[in-house]
PDB file of all heavy atoms in Angstrom:
ATOM      1  N   ALA A   1     -18.799 -49.409 -46.700  1.00  0.00           N
ATOM      2  CA  ALA A   1     -19.330 -50.781 -46.948  1.00  0.00           C
ATOM      3  C   ALA A   1     -18.692 -51.345 -48.136  1.00  0.00           C
ATOM      4  O   ALA A   1     -18.427 -50.617 -49.123  1.00  0.00           O
ATOM      5  CB  ALA A   1     -20.863 -50.696 -47.039  1.00  0.00           C
ATOM      6  N   VAL A   2     -18.448 -52.620 -48.143  1.00  0.00           N
ATOM      7  CA  VAL A   2     -17.689 -53.285 -49.232  1.00  0.00           C
ATOM      8  C   VAL A   2     -18.407 -54.509 -49.714  1.00  0.00           C
ATOM      9  O   VAL A   2     -18.795 -55.403 -48.864  1.00  0.00           O
ATOM     10  CB  VAL A   2     -16.258 -53.670 -48.783  1.00  0.00           C
ATOM     11  CG1 VAL A   2     -15.448 -54.169 -49.947  1.00  0.00           C
ATOM     12  CG2 VAL A   2     -15.551 -52.474 -48.060  1.00  0.00           C
ATOM     13  N   ASP A   3     -18.669 -54.664 -51.019  1.00  0.00           N
ATOM     14  CA  ASP A   3     -19.336 -55.826 -51.575  1.00  0.00           C
ATOM     15  C   ASP A   3     -18.303 -56.920 -51.960  1.00  0.00           C
ATOM     16  O   ASP A   3     -17.082 -56.750 -51.773  1.00  0.00           O
ATOM     17  CB  ASP A   3     -20.266 -55.444 -52.696  1.00  0.00           C
ATOM     18  CG  ASP A   3     -19.533 -55.008 -53.942  1.00  0.00           C
ATOM     19  OD1 ASP A   3     -18.308 -55.128 -54.032  1.00  0.00           O
ATOM     20  OD2 ASP A   3     -20.239 -54.519 -54.867  1.00  0.00           O
ATOM     21  N   ALA A   4     -18.777 -58.001 -52.510  1.00  0.00           N
ATOM     22  CA  ALA A   4     -17.995 -59.133 -52.842  1.00  0.00           C
ATOM     23  C   ALA A   4     -16.993 -58.817 -53.977  1.00  0.00           C
ATOM     24  O   ALA A   4     -15.961 -59.491 -54.120  1.00  0.00           O
ATOM     25  CB  ALA A   4     -18.839 -60.296 -53.304  1.00  0.00           C
ATOM     26  N   GLN A   5     -17.228 -57.767 -54.739  1.00  0.00           N
ATOM     27  CA  GLN A   5     -16.340 -57.359 -55.812  1.00  0.00           C
ATOM     28  C   GLN A   5     -15.389 -56.224 -55.330  1.00  0.00           C
ATOM     29  O   GLN A   5     -14.647 -55.618 -56.125  1.00  0.00           O
ATOM     30  CB  GLN A   5     -17.129 -56.866 -57.039  1.00  0.00           C
ATOM     31  CG  GLN A   5     -17.848 -57.952 -57.786  1.00  0.00           C
ATOM     32  CD  GLN A   5     -19.090 -58.465 -57.017  1.00  0.00           C
ATOM     33  OE1 GLN A   5     -19.851 -57.682 -56.467  1.00  0.00           O
ATOM     34  NE2 GLN A   5     -19.264 -59.797 -56.975  1.00  0.00           N
ATOM     35  N   THR A   6     -15.385 -55.992 -54.015  1.00  0.00           N
ATOM     36  CA  THR A   6     -14.569 -54.929 -53.386  1.00  0.00           C
ATOM     37  C   THR A   6     -14.920 -53.562 -53.864  1.00  0.00           C
ATOM     38  O   THR A   6     -14.065 -52.637 -53.877  1.00  0.00           O
ATOM     39  CB  THR A   6     -13.067 -55.210 -53.572  1.00  0.00           C
ATOM     40  OG1 THR A   6     -12.803 -56.611 -53.560  1.00  0.00           O
ATOM     41  CG2 THR A   6     -12.238 -54.608 -52.457  1.00  0.00           C
ATOM     42  N   ASN A   7     -16.139 -53.331 -54.295  1.00  0.00           N
ATOM     43  CA  ASN A   7     -16.619 -51.999 -54.527  1.00  0.00           C
ATOM     44  C   ASN A   7     -16.908 -51.342 -53.175  1.00  0.00           C
ATOM     45  O   ASN A   7     -17.331 -52.010 -52.207  1.00  0.00           O
ATOM     46  CB  ASN A   7     -17.939 -51.989 -55.356  1.00  0.00           C
ATOM     47  CG  ASN A   7     -17.698 -52.562 -56.763  1.00  0.00           C
ATOM     48  OD1 ASN A   7     -16.846 -52.071 -57.498  1.00  0.00           O
ATOM     49  ND2 ASN A   7     -18.481 -53.569 -57.096  1.00  0.00           N
ATOM     50  N   LEU A   8     -16.713 -50.033 -53.086  1.00  0.00           N
ATOM     51  CA  LEU A   8     -16.892 -49.269 -51.868  1.00  0.00           C
ATOM     52  C   LEU A   8     -18.173 -48.472 -51.940  1.00  0.00           C
ATOM     53  O   LEU A   8     -18.434 -47.817 -52.947  1.00  0.00           O
ATOM     54  CB  LEU A   8     -15.703 -48.334 -51.632  1.00  0.00           C
ATOM     55  CG  LEU A   8     -14.313 -48.938 -51.740  1.00  0.00           C
ATOM     56  CD1 LEU A   8     -13.257 -47.802 -51.517  1.00  0.00           C
ATOM     57  CD2 LEU A   8     -14.112 -50.073 -50.750  1.00  0.00           C
ATOM     58  N   PHE A   9     -18.974 -48.485 -50.865  1.00  0.00           N
ATOM     59  CA  PHE A   9     -20.233 -47.716 -50.796  1.00  0.00           C
ATOM     60  C   PHE A   9     -20.174 -46.802 -49.604  1.00  0.00           C
ATOM     61  O   PHE A   9     -19.805 -47.195 -48.496  1.00  0.00           O
ATOM     62  CB  PHE A   9     -21.402 -48.678 -50.668  1.00  0.00           C
ATOM     63  CG  PHE A   9     -21.628 -49.548 -51.855  1.00  0.00           C
ATOM     64  CD1 PHE A   9     -20.876 -50.751 -52.023  1.00  0.00           C
ATOM     65  CD2 PHE A   9     -22.500 -49.216 -52.852  1.00  0.00           C
ATOM     66  CE1 PHE A   9     -21.071 -51.565 -53.119  1.00  0.00           C
ATOM     67  CE2 PHE A   9     -22.728 -50.082 -53.962  1.00  0.00           C
ATOM     68  CZ  PHE A   9     -21.990 -51.225 -54.120  1.00  0.00           C
ATOM     69  N   PHE A  10     -20.640 -45.541 -49.823  1.00  0.00           N
ATOM     70  CA  PHE A  10     -20.668 -44.614 -48.704  1.00  0.00           C
ATOM     71  C   PHE A  10     -21.569 -43.410 -49.050  1.00  0.00           C
ATOM     72  O   PHE A  10     -22.056 -43.319 -50.160  1.00  0.00           O
ATOM     73  CB  PHE A  10     -19.272 -44.100 -48.327  1.00  0.00           C
ATOM     74  CG  PHE A  10     -18.544 -43.386 -49.451  1.00  0.00           C
ATOM     75  CD1 PHE A  10     -18.503 -41.996 -49.552  1.00  0.00           C
ATOM     76  CD2 PHE A  10     -17.807 -44.129 -50.403  1.00  0.00           C
ATOM     77  CE1 PHE A  10     -17.811 -41.368 -50.572  1.00  0.00           C
ATOM     78  CE2 PHE A  10     -17.104 -43.543 -51.420  1.00  0.00           C
ATOM     79  CZ  PHE A  10     -17.107 -42.122 -51.499  1.00  0.00           C
ATOM     80  N   GLN A  11     -21.841 -42.608 -48.066  1.00  0.00           N
ATOM     81  CA  GLN A  11     -22.702 -41.395 -48.232  1.00  0.00           C
ATOM     82  C   GLN A  11     -21.868 -40.157 -47.970  1.00  0.00           C
ATOM     83  O   GLN A  11     -20.938 -40.120 -47.093  1.00  0.00           O
ATOM     84  CB  GLN A  11     -23.875 -41.453 -47.247  1.00  0.00           C
ATOM     85  CG  GLN A  11     -24.800 -42.567 -47.463  1.00  0.00           C
ATOM     86  CD  GLN A  11     -25.839 -42.737 -46.349  1.00  0.00           C
ATOM     87  OE1 GLN A  11     -26.067 -43.853 -45.868  1.00  0.00           O
ATOM     88  NE2 GLN A  11     -26.472 -41.672 -45.923  1.00  0.00           N
ATOM     89  N   THR A  12     -22.155 -39.096 -48.667  1.00  0.00           N
ATOM     90  CA  THR A  12     -21.469 -37.811 -48.472  1.00  0.00           C
ATOM     91  C   THR A  12     -22.407 -36.769 -47.863  1.00  0.00           C
ATOM     92  O   THR A  12     -23.642 -36.864 -47.985  1.00  0.00           O
ATOM     93  CB  THR A  12     -20.930 -37.236 -49.791  1.00  0.00           C
ATOM     94  OG1 THR A  12     -21.989 -36.959 -50.692  1.00  0.00           O
ATOM     95  CG2 THR A  12     -19.967 -38.215 -50.445  1.00  0.00           C
ATOM     96  N   ALA A  13     -21.807 -35.809 -47.233  1.00  0.00           N
ATOM     97  CA  ALA A  13     -22.576 -34.775 -46.553  1.00  0.00           C
ATOM     98  C   ALA A  13     -22.705 -33.548 -47.516  1.00  0.00           C
ATOM     99  O   ALA A  13     -22.401 -33.602 -48.693  1.00  0.00           O
ATOM    100  CB  ALA A  13     -21.859 -34.338 -45.272  1.00  0.00           C
ATOM    101  N   ASN A  14     -23.284 -32.439 -47.023  1.00  0.00           N
ATOM    102  CA  ASN A  14     -23.529 -31.266 -47.800  1.00  0.00           C
ATOM    103  C   ASN A  14     -22.327 -30.780 -48.572  1.00  0.00           C
ATOM    104  O   ASN A  14     -21.192 -30.793 -48.012  1.00  0.00           O
ATOM    105  CB  ASN A  14     -23.951 -30.081 -46.930  1.00  0.00           C
ATOM    106  CG  ASN A  14     -25.248 -30.374 -46.173  1.00  0.00           C
ATOM    107  OD1 ASN A  14     -26.129 -31.099 -46.673  1.00  0.00           O
ATOM    108  ND2 ASN A  14     -25.412 -29.790 -44.984  1.00  0.00           N
ATOM    109  N   GLY A  15     -22.521 -30.447 -49.831  1.00  0.00           N
ATOM    110  CA  GLY A  15     -21.419 -29.934 -50.665  1.00  0.00           C
ATOM    111  C   GLY A  15     -21.887 -29.656 -52.042  1.00  0.00           C
ATOM    112  O   GLY A  15     -23.082 -29.826 -52.404  1.00  0.00           O
ATOM    113  N   THR A  16     -20.987 -29.185 -52.893  1.00  0.00           N
ATOM    114  CA  THR A  16     -21.332 -28.910 -54.253  1.00  0.00           C
ATOM    115  C   THR A  16     -21.686 -30.231 -55.004  1.00  0.00           C
ATOM    116  O   THR A  16     -21.162 -31.263 -54.703  1.00  0.00           O
ATOM    117  CB  THR A  16     -20.193 -28.201 -54.977  1.00  0.00           C
ATOM    118  OG1 THR A  16     -18.983 -28.953 -54.844  1.00  0.00           O
ATOM    119  CG2 THR A  16     -19.991 -26.805 -54.402  1.00  0.00           C
ATOM    120  N   PHE A  17     -22.596 -30.106 -55.988  1.00  0.00           N
ATOM    121  CA  PHE A  17     -23.044 -31.260 -56.711  1.00  0.00           C
ATOM    122  C   PHE A  17     -22.988 -30.974 -58.200  1.00  0.00           C
ATOM    123  O   PHE A  17     -23.595 -30.052 -58.714  1.00  0.00           O
ATOM    124  CB  PHE A  17     -24.473 -31.576 -56.278  1.00  0.00           C
ATOM    125  CG  PHE A  17     -25.077 -32.724 -57.064  1.00  0.00           C
ATOM    126  CD1 PHE A  17     -24.651 -34.027 -56.905  1.00  0.00           C
ATOM    127  CD2 PHE A  17     -26.134 -32.512 -57.947  1.00  0.00           C
ATOM    128  CE1 PHE A  17     -25.198 -35.084 -57.600  1.00  0.00           C
ATOM    129  CE2 PHE A  17     -26.706 -33.495 -58.685  1.00  0.00           C
ATOM    130  CZ  PHE A  17     -26.228 -34.787 -58.528  1.00  0.00           C
ATOM    131  N   ASP A  18     -22.215 -31.755 -58.945  1.00  0.00           N
ATOM    132  CA  ASP A  18     -22.083 -31.612 -60.338  1.00  0.00           C
ATOM    133  C   ASP A  18     -21.695 -32.971 -60.946  1.00  0.00           C
ATOM    134  O   ASP A  18     -20.726 -33.133 -61.636  1.00  0.00           O
ATOM    135  CB  ASP A  18     -21.025 -30.593 -60.728  1.00  0.00           C
ATOM    136  CG  ASP A  18     -20.894 -30.328 -62.213  1.00  0.00           C
ATOM    137  OD1 ASP A  18     -21.844 -30.623 -62.941  1.00  0.00           O
ATOM    138  OD2 ASP A  18     -19.865 -29.880 -62.656  1.00  0.00           O
ATOM    139  N   ALA A  19     -22.526 -33.963 -60.658  1.00  0.00           N
ATOM    140  CA  ALA A  19     -22.210 -35.329 -61.121  1.00  0.00           C
ATOM    141  C   ALA A  19     -22.260 -35.444 -62.637  1.00  0.00           C
ATOM    142  O   ALA A  19     -21.732 -36.348 -63.241  1.00  0.00           O
ATOM    143  CB  ALA A  19     -23.141 -36.278 -60.441  1.00  0.00           C
ATOM    144  N   THR A  20     -23.010 -34.506 -63.300  1.00  0.00           N
ATOM    145  CA  THR A  20     -23.081 -34.556 -64.748  1.00  0.00           C
ATOM    146  C   THR A  20     -21.720 -34.540 -65.385  1.00  0.00           C
ATOM    147  O   THR A  20     -21.417 -35.256 -66.352  1.00  0.00           O
ATOM    148  CB  THR A  20     -23.908 -33.379 -65.294  1.00  0.00           C
ATOM    149  OG1 THR A  20     -25.205 -33.404 -64.705  1.00  0.00           O
ATOM    150  CG2 THR A  20     -24.016 -33.420 -66.844  1.00  0.00           C
ATOM    151  N   ASN A  21     -20.809 -33.749 -64.789  1.00  0.00           N
ATOM    152  CA  ASN A  21     -19.411 -33.633 -65.291  1.00  0.00           C
ATOM    153  C   ASN A  21     -18.486 -34.559 -64.514  1.00  0.00           C
ATOM    154  O   ASN A  21     -17.267 -34.485 -64.748  1.00  0.00           O
ATOM    155  CB  ASN A  21     -18.944 -32.194 -65.231  1.00  0.00           C
ATOM    156  CG  ASN A  21     -19.746 -31.330 -66.143  1.00  0.00           C
ATOM    157  OD1 ASN A  21     -19.973 -31.659 -67.302  1.00  0.00           O
ATOM    158  ND2 ASN A  21     -20.142 -30.143 -65.667  1.00  0.00           N
ATOM    159  N   GLY A  22     -19.037 -35.322 -63.574  1.00  0.00           N
ATOM    160  CA  GLY A  22     -18.241 -36.322 -62.907  1.00  0.00           C
ATOM    161  C   GLY A  22     -17.230 -35.787 -61.955  1.00  0.00           C
ATOM    162  O   GLY A  22     -16.129 -36.365 -61.807  1.00  0.00           O
ATOM    163  N   THR A  23     -17.526 -34.646 -61.230  1.00  0.00           N
ATOM    164  CA  THR A  23     -16.530 -34.064 -60.372  1.00  0.00           C
ATOM    165  C   THR A  23     -16.993 -33.914 -58.927  1.00  0.00           C
ATOM    166  O   THR A  23     -16.248 -34.213 -58.028  1.00  0.00           O
ATOM    167  CB  THR A  23     -16.091 -32.683 -60.905  1.00  0.00           C
ATOM    168  OG1 THR A  23     -17.212 -31.822 -61.014  1.00  0.00           O
ATOM    169  CG2 THR A  23     -15.410 -32.878 -62.264  1.00  0.00           C
ATOM    170  N   ASP A  24     -18.221 -33.433 -58.704  1.00  0.00           N
ATOM    171  CA  ASP A  24     -18.608 -33.021 -57.357  1.00  0.00           C
ATOM    172  C   ASP A  24     -19.827 -33.811 -56.924  1.00  0.00           C
ATOM    173  O   ASP A  24     -20.853 -33.852 -57.648  1.00  0.00           O
ATOM    174  CB  ASP A  24     -18.932 -31.529 -57.315  1.00  0.00           C
ATOM    175  CG  ASP A  24     -17.727 -30.652 -57.575  1.00  0.00           C
ATOM    176  OD1 ASP A  24     -16.557 -31.159 -57.413  1.00  0.00           O
ATOM    177  OD2 ASP A  24     -17.856 -29.517 -57.973  1.00  0.00           O
ATOM    178  N   TYR A  25     -19.714 -34.405 -55.723  1.00  0.00           N
ATOM    179  CA  TYR A  25     -20.752 -35.358 -55.294  1.00  0.00           C
ATOM    180  C   TYR A  25     -21.214 -35.053 -53.869  1.00  0.00           C
ATOM    181  O   TYR A  25     -21.232 -35.924 -52.978  1.00  0.00           O
ATOM    182  CB  TYR A  25     -20.213 -36.775 -55.352  1.00  0.00           C
ATOM    183  CG  TYR A  25     -19.927 -37.282 -56.746  1.00  0.00           C
ATOM    184  CD1 TYR A  25     -18.661 -37.139 -57.328  1.00  0.00           C
ATOM    185  CD2 TYR A  25     -20.956 -37.843 -57.500  1.00  0.00           C
ATOM    186  CE1 TYR A  25     -18.398 -37.578 -58.614  1.00  0.00           C
ATOM    187  CE2 TYR A  25     -20.707 -38.280 -58.822  1.00  0.00           C
ATOM    188  CZ  TYR A  25     -19.435 -38.172 -59.313  1.00  0.00           C
ATOM    189  OH  TYR A  25     -19.197 -38.582 -60.618  1.00  0.00           O
ATOM    190  N   GLY A  26     -21.654 -33.823 -53.604  1.00  0.00           N
ATOM    191  CA  GLY A  26     -22.238 -33.446 -52.317  1.00  0.00           C
ATOM    192  C   GLY A  26     -23.619 -34.137 -52.146  1.00  0.00           C
ATOM    193  O   GLY A  26     -24.356 -34.246 -53.113  1.00  0.00           O
ATOM    194  N   ASP A  27     -23.941 -34.593 -50.962  1.00  0.00           N
ATOM    195  CA  ASP A  27     -25.231 -35.265 -50.659  1.00  0.00           C
ATOM    196  C   ASP A  27     -25.535 -36.375 -51.618  1.00  0.00           C
ATOM    197  O   ASP A  27     -26.566 -36.415 -52.278  1.00  0.00           O
ATOM    198  CB  ASP A  27     -26.344 -34.207 -50.636  1.00  0.00           C
ATOM    199  CG  ASP A  27     -26.324 -33.318 -49.403  1.00  0.00           C
ATOM    200  OD1 ASP A  27     -26.266 -33.883 -48.277  1.00  0.00           O
ATOM    201  OD2 ASP A  27     -26.337 -32.095 -49.561  1.00  0.00           O
ATOM    202  N   CYS A  28     -24.614 -37.338 -51.654  1.00  0.00           N
ATOM    203  CA  CYS A  28     -24.817 -38.488 -52.564  1.00  0.00           C
ATOM    204  C   CYS A  28     -24.531 -39.795 -51.870  1.00  0.00           C
ATOM    205  O   CYS A  28     -23.793 -39.866 -50.869  1.00  0.00           O
ATOM    206  CB  CYS A  28     -23.790 -38.394 -53.745  1.00  0.00           C
ATOM    207  SG  CYS A  28     -24.181 -37.169 -54.987  1.00  0.00           S
ATOM    208  N   PHE A  29     -25.146 -40.862 -52.397  1.00  0.00           N
ATOM    209  CA  PHE A  29     -24.648 -42.225 -52.175  1.00  0.00           C
ATOM    210  C   PHE A  29     -23.670 -42.513 -53.327  1.00  0.00           C
ATOM    211  O   PHE A  29     -24.009 -42.272 -54.465  1.00  0.00           O
ATOM    212  CB  PHE A  29     -25.768 -43.237 -52.250  1.00  0.00           C
ATOM    213  CG  PHE A  29     -26.754 -43.201 -51.110  1.00  0.00           C
ATOM    214  CD1 PHE A  29     -27.894 -42.392 -51.175  1.00  0.00           C
ATOM    215  CD2 PHE A  29     -26.532 -43.962 -49.965  1.00  0.00           C
ATOM    216  CE1 PHE A  29     -28.803 -42.372 -50.118  1.00  0.00           C
ATOM    217  CE2 PHE A  29     -27.428 -43.918 -48.875  1.00  0.00           C
ATOM    218  CZ  PHE A  29     -28.539 -43.122 -49.003  1.00  0.00           C
ATOM    219  N   LEU A  30     -22.502 -43.043 -52.963  1.00  0.00           N
ATOM    220  CA  LEU A  30     -21.474 -43.253 -53.971  1.00  0.00           C
ATOM    221  C   LEU A  30     -21.034 -44.699 -53.960  1.00  0.00           C
ATOM    222  O   LEU A  30     -20.983 -45.341 -52.918  1.00  0.00           O
ATOM    223  CB  LEU A  30     -20.295 -42.371 -53.717  1.00  0.00           C
ATOM    224  CG  LEU A  30     -20.349 -40.924 -54.260  1.00  0.00           C
ATOM    225  CD1 LEU A  30     -19.210 -40.089 -53.729  1.00  0.00           C
ATOM    226  CD2 LEU A  30     -20.367 -40.903 -55.788  1.00  0.00           C
ATOM    227  N   LYS A  31     -20.744 -45.232 -55.151  1.00  0.00           N
ATOM    228  CA  LYS A  31     -20.135 -46.536 -55.341  1.00  0.00           C
ATOM    229  C   LYS A  31     -18.853 -46.336 -56.084  1.00  0.00           C
ATOM    230  O   LYS A  31     -18.855 -45.812 -57.206  1.00  0.00           O
ATOM    231  CB  LYS A  31     -21.109 -47.439 -56.145  1.00  0.00           C
ATOM    232  CG  LYS A  31     -20.505 -48.798 -56.502  1.00  0.00           C
ATOM    233  CD  LYS A  31     -21.488 -49.599 -57.372  1.00  0.00           C
ATOM    234  CE  LYS A  31     -20.960 -50.923 -57.821  1.00  0.00           C
ATOM    235  NZ  LYS A  31     -21.929 -51.696 -58.643  1.00  0.00           N
ATOM    236  N   LEU A  32     -17.743 -46.726 -55.491  1.00  0.00           N
ATOM    237  CA  LEU A  32     -16.450 -46.607 -56.113  1.00  0.00           C
ATOM    238  C   LEU A  32     -15.921 -47.979 -56.498  1.00  0.00           C
ATOM    239  O   LEU A  32     -15.957 -48.918 -55.667  1.00  0.00           O
ATOM    240  CB  LEU A  32     -15.386 -45.940 -55.163  1.00  0.00           C
ATOM    241  CG  LEU A  32     -15.655 -44.550 -54.635  1.00  0.00           C
ATOM    242  CD1 LEU A  32     -14.442 -44.026 -53.871  1.00  0.00           C
ATOM    243  CD2 LEU A  32     -16.072 -43.565 -55.718  1.00  0.00           C
ATOM    244  N   THR A  33     -15.437 -48.114 -57.696  1.00  0.00           N
ATOM    245  CA  THR A  33     -14.752 -49.314 -58.058  1.00  0.00           C
ATOM    246  C   THR A  33     -13.312 -49.255 -57.608  1.00  0.00           C
ATOM    247  O   THR A  33     -12.699 -48.168 -57.544  1.00  0.00           O
ATOM    248  CB  THR A  33     -14.778 -49.530 -59.615  1.00  0.00           C
ATOM    249  OG1 THR A  33     -14.085 -50.739 -59.903  1.00  0.00           O
ATOM    250  CG2 THR A  33     -14.150 -48.361 -60.366  1.00  0.00           C
ATOM    251  N   THR A  34     -12.732 -50.391 -57.311  1.00  0.00           N
ATOM    252  CA  THR A  34     -11.363 -50.424 -56.805  1.00  0.00           C
ATOM    253  C   THR A  34     -10.462 -51.202 -57.761  1.00  0.00           C
ATOM    254  O   THR A  34      -9.358 -51.653 -57.404  1.00  0.00           O
ATOM    255  CB  THR A  34     -11.259 -51.090 -55.411  1.00  0.00           C
ATOM    256  OG1 THR A  34     -11.748 -52.434 -55.460  1.00  0.00           O
ATOM    257  CG2 THR A  34     -12.124 -50.300 -54.409  1.00  0.00           C
ATOM    258  N   ALA A  35     -10.917 -51.420 -59.006  1.00  0.00           N
ATOM    259  CA  ALA A  35     -10.155 -52.232 -59.954  1.00  0.00           C
ATOM    260  C   ALA A  35      -8.995 -51.419 -60.530  1.00  0.00           C
ATOM    261  O   ALA A  35      -9.126 -50.726 -61.531  1.00  0.00           O
ATOM    262  CB  ALA A  35     -11.082 -52.676 -61.095  1.00  0.00           C
ATOM    263  N   GLY A  36      -7.861 -51.485 -59.855  1.00  0.00           N
ATOM    264  CA  GLY A  36      -6.670 -50.749 -60.296  1.00  0.00           C
ATOM    265  C   GLY A  36      -6.582 -49.334 -59.846  1.00  0.00           C
ATOM    266  O   GLY A  36      -5.469 -48.746 -59.780  1.00  0.00           O
ATOM    267  N   HIS A  37      -7.718 -48.734 -59.511  1.00  0.00           N
ATOM    268  CA  HIS A  37      -7.740 -47.347 -59.028  1.00  0.00           C
ATOM    269  C   HIS A  37      -9.151 -47.079 -58.481  1.00  0.00           C
ATOM    270  O   HIS A  37     -10.101 -47.884 -58.652  1.00  0.00           O
ATOM    271  CB  HIS A  37      -7.417 -46.355 -60.155  1.00  0.00           C
ATOM    272  CG  HIS A  37      -8.443 -46.315 -61.253  1.00  0.00           C
ATOM    273  ND1 HIS A  37      -8.604 -47.378 -62.119  1.00  0.00           N
ATOM    274  CD2 HIS A  37      -9.351 -45.381 -61.594  1.00  0.00           C
ATOM    275  CE1 HIS A  37      -9.550 -47.067 -62.980  1.00  0.00           C
ATOM    276  NE2 HIS A  37     -10.033 -45.865 -62.681  1.00  0.00           N
ATOM    277  N   LEU A  38      -9.289 -45.945 -57.791  1.00  0.00           N
ATOM    278  CA  LEU A  38     -10.622 -45.549 -57.292  1.00  0.00           C
ATOM    279  C   LEU A  38     -11.299 -44.694 -58.348  1.00  0.00           C
ATOM    280  O   LEU A  38     -10.751 -43.730 -58.862  1.00  0.00           O
ATOM    281  CB  LEU A  38     -10.498 -44.723 -56.015  1.00  0.00           C
ATOM    282  CG  LEU A  38     -10.090 -45.482 -54.765  1.00  0.00           C
ATOM    283  CD1 LEU A  38     -10.074 -44.559 -53.579  1.00  0.00           C
ATOM    284  CD2 LEU A  38     -10.937 -46.704 -54.523  1.00  0.00           C
ATOM    285  N   ALA A  39     -12.518 -45.061 -58.666  1.00  0.00           N
ATOM    286  CA  ALA A  39     -13.310 -44.276 -59.638  1.00  0.00           C
ATOM    287  C   ALA A  39     -14.761 -44.444 -59.360  1.00  0.00           C
ATOM    288  O   ALA A  39     -15.176 -45.484 -58.835  1.00  0.00           O
ATOM    289  CB  ALA A  39     -12.977 -44.723 -61.057  1.00  0.00           C
TER     290      ALA A  39
END
């Protein structure tokens, strides 16, 4: 799903989760910015 600012939204399935360190996002809703790169 894409909003007016071209941010990307999606859901992930089962996997490792360590969002504190910004690396692993199993079973998450995610929002990615597309401003020059994906983050």
